[in-house]
Amino acid sequence: MSRSSMWVRVPISLPLALLGACSAEQWQRTGYLSLQEREQQQCLERGIDPCPERQRYEDYQRLRKQADEPSRQQ
């Protein structure tokens, strides 16, 4: 591999490596928070008072794990 071709690959590889550094957990958290924000905005637009309390991501994950446990034990 020549030096010039190596330097061409670095700019292409760097963004891919940085994107890969984001874990699946971070993507899931971001998606969950985006949906929560959207629901909050829709609630405010409809004039619902008070809007339902937003569930923290950690609480959501804990409840999901608890719901999965009985199915794993069978």
Protein backbone atom coordinates (compact mmCIF):
# COMPACT_ATOMS: atom_id res chain seq x y z
CA MET A 1 0.00 0.00 0.00
CA SER A 2 1.44 3.34 -0.98
CA ARG A 3 1.49 6.31 1.34
CA SER A 4 -0.90 8.32 -0.79
CA SER A 5 -3.55 5.60 -0.76
CA MET A 6 -3.21 5.26 3.02
CA TRP A 7 -3.94 8.97 3.52
CA VAL A 8 -6.99 8.72 1.30
CA ARG A 9 -8.43 5.96 3.48
CA VAL A 10 -7.93 7.84 6.76
CA PRO A 11 -10.55 10.56 6.08
CA ILE A 12 -13.03 7.91 4.99
CA SER A 13 -12.35 5.58 7.91
CA LEU A 14 -12.36 8.20 10.65
CA PRO A 15 -16.09 9.14 10.47
CA LEU A 16 -17.04 5.48 10.30
CA ALA A 17 -14.94 4.72 13.38
CA LEU A 18 -16.47 7.63 15.27
CA LEU A 19 -19.97 6.56 14.29
CA GLY A 20 -19.21 3.03 15.42
CA ALA A 21 -18.08 4.37 18.79
CA CYS A 22 -21.70 5.11 19.64
CA SER A 23 -23.04 2.05 21.36
CA ALA A 24 -26.37 0.44 20.64
CA GLU A 25 -27.40 1.55 24.14
CA GLN A 26 -26.78 5.19 23.20
CA TRP A 27 -28.85 4.83 20.02
CA GLN A 28 -31.69 3.20 21.97
CA ARG A 29 -31.59 5.92 24.61
CA THR A 30 -31.66 8.64 21.97
CA GLY A 31 -34.59 7.01 20.20
CA TYR A 32 -36.50 6.58 23.45
CA LEU A 33 -35.92 10.19 24.49
CA SER A 34 -36.96 11.43 21.04
CA LEU A 35 -40.24 9.56 21.29
CA GLN A 36 -40.83 10.89 24.80
CA GLU A 37 -40.21 14.44 23.58
CA ARG A 38 -42.58 13.95 20.64
CA GLU A 39 -45.34 12.66 22.92
CA GLN A 40 -44.82 15.63 25.23
CA GLN A 41 -45.12 18.07 22.31
CA GLN A 42 -48.30 16.37 21.06
CA CYS A 43 -49.77 16.53 24.54
CA LEU A 44 -49.06 20.26 24.78
CA GLU A 45 -50.46 20.88 21.29
CA ARG A 46 -53.71 19.11 22.21
CA GLY A 47 -54.02 21.15 25.38
CA ILE A 48 -54.10 18.18 27.71
CA ASP A 49 -53.58 19.37 31.27
CA PRO A 50 -51.62 17.95 32.90
CA CYS A 51 -49.58 15.92 30.45
CA PRO A 52 -48.65 12.44 31.69
CA GLU A 53 -45.40 12.27 33.59
CA ARG A 54 -42.46 11.19 31.46
CA GLN A 55 -40.80 7.91 32.38
CA ARG A 56 -37.02 7.94 32.79
CA TYR A 57 -35.10 5.73 30.37
CA GLU A 58 -33.52 3.81 33.26
CA ASP A 59 -36.95 2.98 34.69
CA TYR A 60 -38.18 1.90 31.26
CA GLN A 61 -35.20 -0.44 30.84
CA ARG A 62 -35.66 -1.91 34.32
CA LEU A 63 -39.33 -2.66 33.66
CA ARG A 64 -38.50 -4.25 30.31
CA LYS A 65 -35.91 -6.51 31.92
CA GLN A 66 -38.40 -7.55 34.60
CA ALA A 67 -41.01 -8.32 31.93
CA ASP A 68 -38.49 -10.47 30.01
CA GLU A 69 -37.39 -12.52 33.05
CA PRO A 70 -40.51 -14.74 33.34
CA SER A 71 -40.30 -15.72 29.66
CA ARG A 72 -36.64 -16.70 30.07
CA GLN A 73 -37.34 -18.91 33.08
CA GLN A 74 -39.88 -21.07 31.22
